[in-house]
């Protein structure tokens, strides 16, 4: 899966000269939490809802509403935006985009086609993908088990479920307790809980959860 398949587009962007107050209103209207900052069709920064809120006077400020509005009208996006922007392209693997966001503790990445911004991939997009990967919206028997990290172990599980007539809705594997094990979580339809439990217990090192 590539970024271009799951990015949000068209892109809602702001200009560097937009007042912070107007940018906040736009974010609220469009239900977004970050936007690229564009000037002459070029990406020059990125602004988040947190950046905008931090630029606003505190609710307990002693300033009057008129004084606050006046000050806000003078603060523009360019004063509070992040100028160093990390980006990805449409053909970037989705897991690479997720790694960049996690490593840099950011919630979104503009997506470029050449020098043109064609989309944005955000943590919300990644959450939606995670829901699909784990079959969160589908009914079935969900299992979490610990397997030996060696060739053929996953095949044993899938073969056992297939021979019973089960259908995999989702399947994921994660780091185990140490390099010798892998943690798997999967969801199966078409079988009873007891059937799945019996099949997995014969293969897994441990069954952590089944429901």
C-alpha atoms as a PDB file:
ATOM      1  CA  UNK A   1       0.000   0.000   0.000  1.00  0.00           C
ATOM      2  CA  UNK A   2       1.369   3.388  -1.032  1.00  0.00           C
ATOM      3  CA  UNK A   3       0.759   6.889   0.327  1.00  0.00           C
ATOM      4  CA  UNK A   4      -0.998   7.968  -2.870  1.00  0.00           C
ATOM      5  CA  UNK A   5      -3.741   5.386  -2.268  1.00  0.00           C
ATOM      6  CA  UNK A   6      -4.655   6.706   1.193  1.00  0.00           C
ATOM      7  CA  UNK A   7      -3.685  10.370   1.323  1.00  0.00           C
ATOM      8  CA  UNK A   8      -6.290  13.079   1.818  1.00  0.00           C
ATOM      9  CA  UNK A   9      -6.883  15.218  -1.256  1.00  0.00           C
ATOM     10  CA  UNK A  10      -7.500  17.790  -2.575  1.00  0.00           C
ATOM     11  CA  UNK A  11      -5.340  19.661  -0.107  1.00  0.00           C
ATOM     12  CA  UNK A  12      -6.698  22.442   2.065  1.00  0.00           C
ATOM     13  CA  UNK A  13      -3.838  24.921   2.381  1.00  0.00           C
ATOM     14  CA  UNK A  14      -3.244  28.340   3.901  1.00  0.00           C
ATOM     15  CA  UNK A  15      -1.124  31.311   2.910  1.00  0.00           C
ATOM     16  CA  UNK A  16       1.671  32.773   5.032  1.00  0.00           C
ATOM     17  CA  UNK A  17      -0.161  36.109   5.299  1.00  0.00           C
ATOM     18  CA  UNK A  18      -3.402  34.588   6.625  1.00  0.00           C
ATOM     19  CA  UNK A  19      -4.198  35.847  10.138  1.00  0.00           C
ATOM     20  CA  UNK A  20      -4.090  33.172  12.828  1.00  0.00           C
ATOM     21  CA  UNK A  21      -7.735  33.874  13.691  1.00  0.00           C
ATOM     22  CA  UNK A  22      -8.810  33.156  10.097  1.00  0.00           C
ATOM     23  CA  UNK A  23      -6.702  30.006   9.947  1.00  0.00           C
ATOM     24  CA  UNK A  24      -8.334  28.706  13.132  1.00  0.00           C
ATOM     25  CA  UNK A  25     -11.771  29.388  11.676  1.00  0.00           C
ATOM     26  CA  UNK A  26     -10.803  27.491   8.498  1.00  0.00           C
ATOM     27  CA  UNK A  27      -9.528  24.523  10.508  1.00  0.00           C
ATOM     28  CA  UNK A  28     -12.787  24.384  12.441  1.00  0.00           C
ATOM     29  CA  UNK A  29     -14.919  24.644   9.307  1.00  0.00           C
ATOM     30  CA  UNK A  30     -13.005  21.960   7.391  1.00  0.00           C
ATOM     31  CA  UNK A  31     -12.432  19.679  10.419  1.00  0.00           C
ATOM     32  CA  UNK A  32      -8.660  19.567   9.928  1.00  0.00           C
ATOM     33  CA  UNK A  33      -5.758  19.805  12.352  1.00  0.00           C
ATOM     34  CA  UNK A  34      -2.898  20.763  10.038  1.00  0.00           C
ATOM     35  CA  UNK A  35      -2.359  22.327   6.635  1.00  0.00           C
ATOM     36  CA  UNK A  36       0.532  23.072   4.289  1.00  0.00           C
ATOM     37  CA  UNK A  37       1.482  26.725   3.898  1.00  0.00           C
ATOM     38  CA  UNK A  38       1.674  27.718   0.237  1.00  0.00           C
ATOM     39  CA  UNK A  39       3.086  30.789  -1.499  1.00  0.00           C
ATOM     40  CA  UNK A  40       2.997  31.137  -5.282  1.00  0.00           C
ATOM     41  CA  UNK A  41       2.017  27.446  -5.482  1.00  0.00           C
ATOM     42  CA  UNK A  42       5.143  26.425  -3.565  1.00  0.00           C
ATOM     43  CA  UNK A  43       5.318  24.696  -0.190  1.00  0.00           C
ATOM     44  CA  UNK A  44       7.051  26.935   2.336  1.00  0.00           C
ATOM     45  CA  UNK A  45       5.853  25.529   5.656  1.00  0.00           C
ATOM     46  CA  UNK A  46       3.255  23.608   7.613  1.00  0.00           C
ATOM     47  CA  UNK A  47       0.933  24.795  10.368  1.00  0.00           C
ATOM     48  CA  UNK A  48      -0.909  22.740  12.973  1.00  0.00           C
ATOM     49  CA  UNK A  49      -3.903  23.516  15.125  1.00  0.00           C
ATOM     50  CA  UNK A  50      -1.590  23.448  18.139  1.00  0.00           C
ATOM     51  CA  UNK A  51       0.644  26.088  16.551  1.00  0.00           C
ATOM     52  CA  UNK A  52      -2.371  28.310  16.000  1.00  0.00           C
ATOM     53  CA  UNK A  53      -3.778  27.832  19.494  1.00  0.00           C
ATOM     54  CA  UNK A  54      -0.397  28.529  21.082  1.00  0.00           C
ATOM     55  CA  UNK A  55      -0.301  31.830  19.201  1.00  0.00           C
ATOM     56  CA  UNK A  56      -3.645  32.897  20.675  1.00  0.00           C
ATOM     57  CA  UNK A  57      -3.995  34.816  23.965  1.00  0.00           C
ATOM     58  CA  UNK A  58      -4.796  32.725  27.031  1.00  0.00           C
ATOM     59  CA  UNK A  59      -8.497  32.511  27.982  1.00  0.00           C
ATOM     60  CA  UNK A  60      -7.537  33.970  31.384  1.00  0.00           C
ATOM     61  CA  UNK A  61      -5.736  36.915  29.835  1.00  0.00           C
ATOM     62  CA  UNK A  62      -6.501  40.318  31.337  1.00  0.00           C
ATOM     63  CA  UNK A  63      -6.828  41.766  27.835  1.00  0.00           C
ATOM     64  CA  UNK A  64     -10.237  42.818  26.615  1.00  0.00           C
ATOM     65  CA  UNK A  65     -11.865  41.023  23.704  1.00  0.00           C
ATOM     66  CA  UNK A  66     -11.105  43.987  21.466  1.00  0.00           C
ATOM     67  CA  UNK A  67      -7.452  44.004  22.482  1.00  0.00           C
ATOM     68  CA  UNK A  68      -7.165  40.264  21.885  1.00  0.00           C
ATOM     69  CA  UNK A  69      -8.803  40.504  18.461  1.00  0.00           C
ATOM     70  CA  UNK A  70      -6.474  43.356  17.555  1.00  0.00           C
ATOM     71  CA  UNK A  71      -3.402  41.373  18.571  1.00  0.00           C
ATOM     72  CA  UNK A  72      -4.621  38.280  16.739  1.00  0.00           C
ATOM     73  CA  UNK A  73      -5.166  40.272  13.579  1.00  0.00           C
ATOM     74  CA  UNK A  74      -1.469  41.142  13.626  1.00  0.00           C
ATOM     75  CA  UNK A  75      -0.245  37.557  14.056  1.00  0.00           C
ATOM     76  CA  UNK A  76      -0.043  35.717  10.753  1.00  0.00           C
ATOM     77  CA  UNK A  77       0.528  32.088   9.837  1.00  0.00           C
ATOM     78  CA  UNK A  78       4.100  32.865   8.754  1.00  0.00           C
ATOM     79  CA  UNK A  79       4.942  33.928  12.307  1.00  0.00           C
ATOM     80  CA  UNK A  80       4.082  30.568  13.868  1.00  0.00           C
ATOM     81  CA  UNK A  81       4.379  27.970  11.085  1.00  0.00           C
ATOM     82  CA  UNK A  82       7.090  25.309  10.949  1.00  0.00           C
ATOM     83  CA  UNK A  83       9.459  26.135   8.109  1.00  0.00           C
ATOM     84  CA  UNK A  84      11.246  22.793   8.114  1.00  0.00           C
ATOM     85  CA  UNK A  85       8.748  20.479   6.418  1.00  0.00           C
ATOM     86  CA  UNK A  86       9.159  16.740   6.063  1.00  0.00           C
ATOM     87  CA  UNK A  87       7.415  15.375   2.968  1.00  0.00           C
ATOM     88  CA  UNK A  88       6.731  12.126   1.144  1.00  0.00           C
ATOM     89  CA  UNK A  89       5.739  11.240  -2.397  1.00  0.00           C
ATOM     90  CA  UNK A  90       2.739   9.322  -3.717  1.00  0.00           C
ATOM     91  CA  UNK A  91       4.830   6.174  -4.183  1.00  0.00           C
ATOM     92  CA  UNK A  92       6.209   6.169  -0.635  1.00  0.00           C
ATOM     93  CA  UNK A  93       5.190   2.943   1.176  1.00  0.00           C
ATOM     94  CA  UNK A  94       2.570   3.712   3.823  1.00  0.00           C
ATOM     95  CA  UNK A  95       4.686   2.119   6.561  1.00  0.00           C
ATOM     96  CA  UNK A  96       7.596   4.424   5.687  1.00  0.00           C
ATOM     97  CA  UNK A  97       5.327   7.463   6.092  1.00  0.00           C
ATOM     98  CA  UNK A  98       4.189   6.070   9.457  1.00  0.00           C
ATOM     99  CA  UNK A  99       7.818   5.582  10.526  1.00  0.00           C
ATOM    100  CA  UNK A 100       8.719   9.161   9.607  1.00  0.00           C
ATOM    101  CA  UNK A 101       5.767  10.508  11.599  1.00  0.00           C
ATOM    102  CA  UNK A 102       6.522   8.328  14.620  1.00  0.00           C
ATOM    103  CA  UNK A 103      10.269   9.045  14.637  1.00  0.00           C
ATOM    104  CA  UNK A 104       9.735  12.795  14.321  1.00  0.00           C
ATOM    105  CA  UNK A 105       6.627  12.975  16.553  1.00  0.00           C
ATOM    106  CA  UNK A 106       4.522  14.718  13.913  1.00  0.00           C
ATOM    107  CA  UNK A 107       0.915  14.152  12.882  1.00  0.00           C
ATOM    108  CA  UNK A 108       1.028  14.617   9.125  1.00  0.00           C
ATOM    109  CA  UNK A 109       3.146  14.839   5.975  1.00  0.00           C
ATOM    110  CA  UNK A 110       2.474  16.799   2.780  1.00  0.00           C
ATOM    111  CA  UNK A 111       2.594  14.572  -0.298  1.00  0.00           C
ATOM    112  CA  UNK A 112       4.539  15.883  -3.283  1.00  0.00           C
ATOM    113  CA  UNK A 113       4.463  15.123  -6.992  1.00  0.00           C
ATOM    114  CA  UNK A 114       7.633  16.833  -8.095  1.00  0.00           C
ATOM    115  CA  UNK A 115       7.365  20.214  -6.357  1.00  0.00           C
ATOM    116  CA  UNK A 116       3.545  20.227  -6.338  1.00  0.00           C
ATOM    117  CA  UNK A 117       1.588  19.385  -3.193  1.00  0.00           C
ATOM    118  CA  UNK A 118      -1.046  16.822  -4.214  1.00  0.00           C
ATOM    119  CA  UNK A 119      -2.185  15.556  -0.831  1.00  0.00           C
ATOM    120  CA  UNK A 120      -1.471  15.083   2.842  1.00  0.00           C
ATOM    121  CA  UNK A 121      -1.161  11.869   4.828  1.00  0.00           C
ATOM    122  CA  UNK A 122      -2.106  12.151   8.495  1.00  0.00           C
ATOM    123  CA  UNK A 123      -2.283  10.070  11.640  1.00  0.00           C
ATOM    124  CA  UNK A 124      -6.045   9.796  11.084  1.00  0.00           C
ATOM    125  CA  UNK A 125      -5.429   8.155   7.708  1.00  0.00           C
ATOM    126  CA  UNK A 126      -3.075   5.692   9.406  1.00  0.00           C
ATOM    127  CA  UNK A 127      -5.631   4.914  12.131  1.00  0.00           C
ATOM    128  CA  UNK A 128      -8.186   4.054   9.435  1.00  0.00           C
ATOM    129  CA  UNK A 129      -5.692   1.692   7.800  1.00  0.00           C
ATOM    130  CA  UNK A 130      -4.989   0.060  11.163  1.00  0.00           C
ATOM    131  CA  UNK A 131      -8.726  -0.515  11.680  1.00  0.00           C
ATOM    132  CA  UNK A 132      -8.885  -2.281   8.329  1.00  0.00           C
ATOM    133  CA  UNK A 133      -5.769  -4.357   8.967  1.00  0.00           C
ATOM    134  CA  UNK A 134      -7.148  -5.583  12.281  1.00  0.00           C
ATOM    135  CA  UNK A 135     -10.670  -6.144  10.944  1.00  0.00           C
ATOM    136  CA  UNK A 136     -12.065  -3.860  13.625  1.00  0.00           C
ATOM    137  CA  UNK A 137     -15.400  -3.364  11.857  1.00  0.00           C
ATOM    138  CA  UNK A 138     -15.952  -7.033  11.021  1.00  0.00           C
ATOM    139  CA  UNK A 139     -17.356  -9.758  13.252  1.00  0.00           C
ATOM    140  CA  UNK A 140     -15.318 -12.879  13.932  1.00  0.00           C
ATOM    141  CA  UNK A 141     -13.249 -14.793  16.456  1.00  0.00           C
ATOM    142  CA  UNK A 142     -10.215 -12.691  17.489  1.00  0.00           C
ATOM    143  CA  UNK A 143      -7.044 -14.452  18.631  1.00  0.00           C
ATOM    144  CA  UNK A 144      -3.744 -13.203  20.044  1.00  0.00           C
ATOM    145  CA  UNK A 145      -1.048 -15.869  20.376  1.00  0.00           C
ATOM    146  CA  UNK A 146       2.692 -16.245  20.713  1.00  0.00           C
ATOM    147  CA  UNK A 147       4.521 -18.345  18.098  1.00  0.00           C
ATOM    148  CA  UNK A 148       8.083 -19.505  17.691  1.00  0.00           C
ATOM    149  CA  UNK A 149       9.908 -17.202  15.283  1.00  0.00           C
ATOM    150  CA  UNK A 150      10.922 -19.817  12.755  1.00  0.00           C
ATOM    151  CA  UNK A 151       9.949 -20.760   9.192  1.00  0.00           C
ATOM    152  CA  UNK A 152       6.643 -22.553   8.795  1.00  0.00           C
ATOM    153  CA  UNK A 153       4.906 -21.524  12.027  1.00  0.00           C
ATOM    154  CA  UNK A 154       2.514 -19.085  10.365  1.00  0.00           C
ATOM    155  CA  UNK A 155       1.761 -21.660   7.682  1.00  0.00           C
ATOM    156  CA  UNK A 156       0.741 -24.135  10.379  1.00  0.00           C
ATOM    157  CA  UNK A 157      -1.787 -21.678  11.799  1.00  0.00           C
ATOM    158  CA  UNK A 158      -3.283 -20.729   8.429  1.00  0.00           C
ATOM    159  CA  UNK A 159      -3.435 -24.368   7.329  1.00  0.00           C
ATOM    160  CA  UNK A 160      -5.185 -25.443  10.521  1.00  0.00           C
ATOM    161  CA  UNK A 161      -7.822 -22.713  10.205  1.00  0.00           C
ATOM    162  CA  UNK A 162      -8.319 -23.365   6.475  1.00  0.00           C
ATOM    163  CA  UNK A 163      -8.820 -27.109   7.014  1.00  0.00           C
ATOM    164  CA  UNK A 164     -11.619 -26.306   9.462  1.00  0.00           C
ATOM    165  CA  UNK A 165     -13.282 -24.087   6.848  1.00  0.00           C
ATOM    166  CA  UNK A 166     -12.438 -20.782   8.518  1.00  0.00           C
ATOM    167  CA  UNK A 167     -11.949 -17.512   6.637  1.00  0.00           C
ATOM    168  CA  UNK A 168      -9.299 -15.008   7.731  1.00  0.00           C
ATOM    169  CA  UNK A 169     -10.681 -11.488   8.060  1.00  0.00           C
ATOM    170  CA  UNK A 170      -7.449  -9.955   9.367  1.00  0.00           C
ATOM    171  CA  UNK A 171      -3.946 -11.079  10.226  1.00  0.00           C
ATOM    172  CA  UNK A 172      -1.062  -9.170  11.780  1.00  0.00           C
ATOM    173  CA  UNK A 173       2.226 -10.076  13.395  1.00  0.00           C
ATOM    174  CA  UNK A 174       4.309  -8.105  15.859  1.00  0.00           C
ATOM    175  CA  UNK A 175       7.493  -8.351  17.907  1.00  0.00           C
ATOM    176  CA  UNK A 176       7.380 -11.068  20.533  1.00  0.00           C
ATOM    177  CA  UNK A 177       8.813 -11.168  24.032  1.00  0.00           C
ATOM    178  CA  UNK A 178      12.299 -11.722  22.552  1.00  0.00           C
ATOM    179  CA  UNK A 179      13.812 -12.410  19.080  1.00  0.00           C
ATOM    180  CA  UNK A 180      12.824 -16.088  19.278  1.00  0.00           C
ATOM    181  CA  UNK A 181       9.068 -15.392  19.256  1.00  0.00           C
ATOM    182  CA  UNK A 182       6.470 -13.469  17.273  1.00  0.00           C
ATOM    183  CA  UNK A 183       3.117 -12.212  18.500  1.00  0.00           C
ATOM    184  CA  UNK A 184       0.241 -12.722  16.072  1.00  0.00           C
ATOM    185  CA  UNK A 185      -3.257 -11.309  16.149  1.00  0.00           C
ATOM    186  CA  UNK A 186      -5.880 -12.508  13.704  1.00  0.00           C
ATOM    187  CA  UNK A 187      -9.627 -12.599  13.220  1.00  0.00           C
ATOM    188  CA  UNK A 188     -11.489 -15.521  11.683  1.00  0.00           C
ATOM    189  CA  UNK A 189     -15.067 -15.951  10.458  1.00  0.00           C
ATOM    190  CA  UNK A 190     -17.025 -19.146   9.839  1.00  0.00           C
ATOM    191  CA  UNK A 191     -15.870 -21.067  12.921  1.00  0.00           C
ATOM    192  CA  UNK A 192     -16.908 -21.454  16.534  1.00  0.00           C
ATOM    193  CA  UNK A 193     -14.691 -20.167  19.323  1.00  0.00           C
ATOM    194  CA  UNK A 194     -13.986 -23.674  20.600  1.00  0.00           C
ATOM    195  CA  UNK A 195     -12.831 -24.820  17.147  1.00  0.00           C
ATOM    196  CA  UNK A 196     -10.423 -21.913  16.765  1.00  0.00           C
ATOM    197  CA  UNK A 197      -9.117 -22.314  20.307  1.00  0.00           C
ATOM    198  CA  UNK A 198      -8.430 -26.011  19.826  1.00  0.00           C
ATOM    199  CA  UNK A 199      -6.608 -25.441  16.542  1.00  0.00           C
ATOM    200  CA  UNK A 200      -4.397 -22.642  17.863  1.00  0.00           C
ATOM    201  CA  UNK A 201      -3.522 -24.330  21.175  1.00  0.00           C
ATOM    202  CA  UNK A 202      -1.924 -27.209  19.254  1.00  0.00           C
ATOM    203  CA  UNK A 203       0.517 -24.865  17.502  1.00  0.00           C
ATOM    204  CA  UNK A 204       1.114 -21.724  19.564  1.00  0.00           C
ATOM    205  CA  UNK A 205       3.587 -21.353  22.417  1.00  0.00           C
ATOM    206  CA  UNK A 206       0.972 -19.373  24.319  1.00  0.00           C
ATOM    207  CA  UNK A 207      -2.551 -18.124  23.615  1.00  0.00           C
ATOM    208  CA  UNK A 208      -2.887 -14.694  25.191  1.00  0.00           C
ATOM    209  CA  UNK A 209      -6.468 -13.929  24.252  1.00  0.00           C
ATOM    210  CA  UNK A 210      -9.376 -15.414  22.318  1.00  0.00           C
ATOM    211  CA  UNK A 211     -12.836 -13.849  22.041  1.00  0.00           C
END
